[in-house]
């Protein structure tokens, strides 16, 4: 896990978290090893999200994304001090 500086990718997140609603934003690596190696060797840079050439490695990215979201949900919904949520009626 990395603590990244601000990013334009998160520009709408403050609106979702307005009023104190809990929120999180993950930056998951979705580019395969081949394009990264080529870019580091002086080739074309890896296209960012939303760029026309953006091509995530779905097999790797989907597995990592599902694992991260499931782990966060288990922690947030778990009983105990970190997962306590008071029911309101």
C-alpha atoms as a PDB file:
ATOM      1  CA  UNK A   1       0.000   0.000   0.000  1.00  0.00           C
ATOM      2  CA  UNK A   2       1.244   3.472  -0.868  1.00  0.00           C
ATOM      3  CA  UNK A   3       0.125   6.836   0.419  1.00  0.00           C
ATOM      4  CA  UNK A   4      -0.038   8.805  -2.827  1.00  0.00           C
ATOM      5  CA  UNK A   5      -0.216  12.551  -3.266  1.00  0.00           C
ATOM      6  CA  UNK A   6      -3.422  14.109  -4.551  1.00  0.00           C
ATOM      7  CA  UNK A   7      -4.519  13.228  -8.050  1.00  0.00           C
ATOM      8  CA  UNK A   8      -6.956  14.586 -10.600  1.00  0.00           C
ATOM      9  CA  UNK A   9      -8.404  11.063 -10.649  1.00  0.00           C
ATOM     10  CA  UNK A  10     -10.004  11.781  -7.280  1.00  0.00           C
ATOM     11  CA  UNK A  11     -11.539  15.116  -8.233  1.00  0.00           C
ATOM     12  CA  UNK A  12     -15.131  14.005  -7.490  1.00  0.00           C
ATOM     13  CA  UNK A  13     -14.423  12.082  -4.283  1.00  0.00           C
ATOM     14  CA  UNK A  14     -14.880  15.052  -1.906  1.00  0.00           C
ATOM     15  CA  UNK A  15     -18.437  15.418  -3.200  1.00  0.00           C
ATOM     16  CA  UNK A  16     -19.241  11.801  -2.310  1.00  0.00           C
ATOM     17  CA  UNK A  17     -17.730  12.262   1.148  1.00  0.00           C
ATOM     18  CA  UNK A  18     -19.531  15.557   1.877  1.00  0.00           C
ATOM     19  CA  UNK A  19     -21.118  15.776   5.281  1.00  0.00           C
ATOM     20  CA  UNK A  20     -18.697  13.333   6.880  1.00  0.00           C
ATOM     21  CA  UNK A  21     -19.662  10.186   4.976  1.00  0.00           C
ATOM     22  CA  UNK A  22     -16.817   7.628   5.103  1.00  0.00           C
ATOM     23  CA  UNK A  23     -15.053   7.307   1.772  1.00  0.00           C
ATOM     24  CA  UNK A  24     -11.977   5.672   0.287  1.00  0.00           C
ATOM     25  CA  UNK A  25     -10.302   5.846  -3.110  1.00  0.00           C
ATOM     26  CA  UNK A  26      -7.952   3.148  -4.336  1.00  0.00           C
ATOM     27  CA  UNK A  27      -5.351   3.514  -7.034  1.00  0.00           C
ATOM     28  CA  UNK A  28      -4.858  -0.055  -8.244  1.00  0.00           C
ATOM     29  CA  UNK A  29      -2.134  -0.953 -10.681  1.00  0.00           C
ATOM     30  CA  UNK A  30      -3.865  -2.250 -13.805  1.00  0.00           C
ATOM     31  CA  UNK A  31      -1.074  -2.233 -16.387  1.00  0.00           C
ATOM     32  CA  UNK A  32       0.680  -5.476 -17.145  1.00  0.00           C
ATOM     33  CA  UNK A  33       4.401  -6.013 -16.648  1.00  0.00           C
ATOM     34  CA  UNK A  34       5.214  -5.865 -20.373  1.00  0.00           C
ATOM     35  CA  UNK A  35       4.094  -2.271 -20.981  1.00  0.00           C
ATOM     36  CA  UNK A  36       5.847  -1.115 -17.789  1.00  0.00           C
ATOM     37  CA  UNK A  37       9.097  -2.791 -18.840  1.00  0.00           C
ATOM     38  CA  UNK A  38       8.888  -1.236 -22.295  1.00  0.00           C
ATOM     39  CA  UNK A  39       8.249   2.241 -20.851  1.00  0.00           C
ATOM     40  CA  UNK A  40      11.152   1.933 -18.407  1.00  0.00           C
ATOM     41  CA  UNK A  41      13.419   0.853 -21.270  1.00  0.00           C
ATOM     42  CA  UNK A  42      12.686   4.110 -23.093  1.00  0.00           C
ATOM     43  CA  UNK A  43       9.566   3.110 -25.006  1.00  0.00           C
ATOM     44  CA  UNK A  44       6.214   4.845 -25.014  1.00  0.00           C
ATOM     45  CA  UNK A  45       4.917   5.897 -21.588  1.00  0.00           C
ATOM     46  CA  UNK A  46       2.127   3.841 -20.056  1.00  0.00           C
ATOM     47  CA  UNK A  47      -1.183   5.560 -20.884  1.00  0.00           C
ATOM     48  CA  UNK A  48      -3.097   6.772 -17.810  1.00  0.00           C
ATOM     49  CA  UNK A  49      -6.718   5.945 -17.008  1.00  0.00           C
ATOM     50  CA  UNK A  50      -9.219   7.464 -19.455  1.00  0.00           C
ATOM     51  CA  UNK A  51      -6.544   7.969 -22.147  1.00  0.00           C
ATOM     52  CA  UNK A  52      -7.414   6.454 -25.550  1.00  0.00           C
ATOM     53  CA  UNK A  53      -4.567   3.923 -25.292  1.00  0.00           C
ATOM     54  CA  UNK A  54      -5.348   2.810 -21.737  1.00  0.00           C
ATOM     55  CA  UNK A  55      -5.457  -0.984 -21.732  1.00  0.00           C
ATOM     56  CA  UNK A  56      -5.604  -2.603 -18.296  1.00  0.00           C
ATOM     57  CA  UNK A  57      -4.502  -6.181 -17.779  1.00  0.00           C
ATOM     58  CA  UNK A  58      -8.000  -7.327 -16.832  1.00  0.00           C
ATOM     59  CA  UNK A  59      -6.950 -10.762 -15.557  1.00  0.00           C
ATOM     60  CA  UNK A  60      -4.548  -9.267 -13.020  1.00  0.00           C
ATOM     61  CA  UNK A  61      -6.409  -6.020 -12.264  1.00  0.00           C
ATOM     62  CA  UNK A  62      -9.788  -7.623 -11.636  1.00  0.00           C
ATOM     63  CA  UNK A  63      -8.351 -10.145  -9.179  1.00  0.00           C
ATOM     64  CA  UNK A  64      -6.457  -7.431  -7.260  1.00  0.00           C
ATOM     65  CA  UNK A  65      -9.444  -5.072  -7.238  1.00  0.00           C
ATOM     66  CA  UNK A  66     -11.894  -7.701  -6.002  1.00  0.00           C
ATOM     67  CA  UNK A  67      -9.454  -8.821  -3.301  1.00  0.00           C
ATOM     68  CA  UNK A  68      -8.899  -5.242  -2.098  1.00  0.00           C
ATOM     69  CA  UNK A  69     -12.605  -4.395  -2.031  1.00  0.00           C
ATOM     70  CA  UNK A  70     -13.540  -7.651  -0.277  1.00  0.00           C
ATOM     71  CA  UNK A  71     -10.850  -7.140   2.380  1.00  0.00           C
ATOM     72  CA  UNK A  72     -11.992  -3.559   3.004  1.00  0.00           C
ATOM     73  CA  UNK A  73     -15.640  -4.634   3.240  1.00  0.00           C
ATOM     74  CA  UNK A  74     -14.810  -7.454   5.671  1.00  0.00           C
ATOM     75  CA  UNK A  75     -12.900  -5.038   7.893  1.00  0.00           C
ATOM     76  CA  UNK A  76     -15.536  -2.296   7.758  1.00  0.00           C
ATOM     77  CA  UNK A  77     -18.417  -4.691   8.417  1.00  0.00           C
ATOM     78  CA  UNK A  78     -16.692  -6.857  11.033  1.00  0.00           C
ATOM     79  CA  UNK A  79     -17.975  -6.716  14.591  1.00  0.00           C
ATOM     80  CA  UNK A  80     -15.635  -5.155  17.095  1.00  0.00           C
ATOM     81  CA  UNK A  81     -14.037  -1.752  17.651  1.00  0.00           C
ATOM     82  CA  UNK A  82     -12.965  -1.152  14.029  1.00  0.00           C
ATOM     83  CA  UNK A  83     -16.206  -2.495  12.544  1.00  0.00           C
ATOM     84  CA  UNK A  84     -18.805  -1.291  15.031  1.00  0.00           C
ATOM     85  CA  UNK A  85     -21.737   0.262  13.256  1.00  0.00           C
ATOM     86  CA  UNK A  86     -24.743   1.378  15.274  1.00  0.00           C
ATOM     87  CA  UNK A  87     -28.043   0.500  13.709  1.00  0.00           C
ATOM     88  CA  UNK A  88     -30.496   3.334  13.423  1.00  0.00           C
ATOM     89  CA  UNK A  89     -34.209   2.945  12.971  1.00  0.00           C
END
